Amino acid sequence: MPKMKTAVFVAPGRIVLDEKPIPDVGPLNALVRITTTTSAAPTSTS
């Protein structure tokens, strides 16, 4: 089965990169490919 790269949120502030099988897409589902993302550094409120 083909695999895709995933970003898994495992805890607040912690993201793990992993590979998962590409899921089957049914008639009422959508499979979306993300090509570009951005991330902002956390900011302090004090």
C-alpha atoms as a PDB file:
ATOM      1  CA  MET A   1       0.000   0.000   0.000  1.00  0.00           C
ATOM      2  CA  PRO A   2       1.383   3.459  -0.868  1.00  0.00           C
ATOM      3  CA  LYS A   3       2.329   5.720   2.037  1.00  0.00           C
ATOM      4  CA  MET A   4       2.082   9.446   2.701  1.00  0.00           C
ATOM      5  CA  LYS A   5       4.036  11.719   5.026  1.00  0.00           C
ATOM      6  CA  THR A   6       2.007  13.010   7.962  1.00  0.00           C
ATOM      7  CA  ALA A   7       2.409  15.563  10.738  1.00  0.00           C
ATOM      8  CA  VAL A   8       0.823  14.105  13.877  1.00  0.00           C
ATOM      9  CA  PHE A   9      -0.046  16.383  16.813  1.00  0.00           C
ATOM     10  CA  VAL A  10       0.841  14.183  19.812  1.00  0.00           C
ATOM     11  CA  ALA A  11       0.749  16.810  22.588  1.00  0.00           C
ATOM     12  CA  PRO A  12       0.446  20.571  22.922  1.00  0.00           C
ATOM     13  CA  GLY A  13       3.477  22.057  21.160  1.00  0.00           C
ATOM     14  CA  ARG A  14       4.698  18.637  19.932  1.00  0.00           C
ATOM     15  CA  ILE A  15       4.367  17.466  16.322  1.00  0.00           C
ATOM     16  CA  VAL A  16       5.844  14.179  15.088  1.00  0.00           C
ATOM     17  CA  LEU A  17       6.544  13.489  11.398  1.00  0.00           C
ATOM     18  CA  ASP A  18       5.463   9.988  10.390  1.00  0.00           C
ATOM     19  CA  GLU A  19       4.465   7.896   7.368  1.00  0.00           C
ATOM     20  CA  LYS A  20       0.968   6.423   7.178  1.00  0.00           C
ATOM     21  CA  PRO A  21      -0.851   4.391   4.532  1.00  0.00           C
ATOM     22  CA  ILE A  22      -2.830   6.520   2.078  1.00  0.00           C
ATOM     23  CA  PRO A  23      -6.483   5.981   3.064  1.00  0.00           C
ATOM     24  CA  ASP A  24      -9.180   4.805   0.681  1.00  0.00           C
ATOM     25  CA  VAL A  25     -11.438   7.677  -0.329  1.00  0.00           C
ATOM     26  CA  GLY A  26     -15.183   7.032  -0.426  1.00  0.00           C
ATOM     27  CA  PRO A  27     -17.804   8.918  -2.443  1.00  0.00           C
ATOM     28  CA  LEU A  28     -18.495  11.365   0.424  1.00  0.00           C
ATOM     29  CA  ASN A  29     -14.812  11.904   1.393  1.00  0.00           C
ATOM     30  CA  ALA A  30     -11.998  14.097   0.121  1.00  0.00           C
ATOM     31  CA  LEU A  31      -8.247  13.477   0.210  1.00  0.00           C
ATOM     32  CA  VAL A  32      -6.365  16.802   0.291  1.00  0.00           C
ATOM     33  CA  ARG A  33      -2.681  17.272  -0.545  1.00  0.00           C
ATOM     34  CA  ILE A  34      -0.988  20.099   1.373  1.00  0.00           C
ATOM     35  CA  THR A  35       2.097  21.416  -0.442  1.00  0.00           C
ATOM     36  CA  THR A  36       3.033  24.456   1.658  1.00  0.00           C
ATOM     37  CA  THR A  37       2.493  25.349   5.308  1.00  0.00           C
ATOM     38  CA  THR A  38       3.658  28.037   7.698  1.00  0.00           C
ATOM     39  CA  SER A  39       4.089  28.061  11.431  1.00  0.00           C
ATOM     40  CA  ALA A  40       4.260  30.949  13.858  1.00  0.00           C
ATOM     41  CA  ALA A  41       6.455  30.827  16.934  1.00  0.00           C
ATOM     42  CA  PRO A  42       4.546  30.799  20.226  1.00  0.00           C
ATOM     43  CA  THR A  43       4.210  34.198  21.840  1.00  0.00           C
ATOM     44  CA  SER A  44       4.096  35.119  25.501  1.00  0.00           C
ATOM     45  CA  THR A  45       1.075  36.979  26.873  1.00  0.00           C
ATOM     46  CA  SER A  46       2.884  38.420  29.891  1.00  0.00           C
END
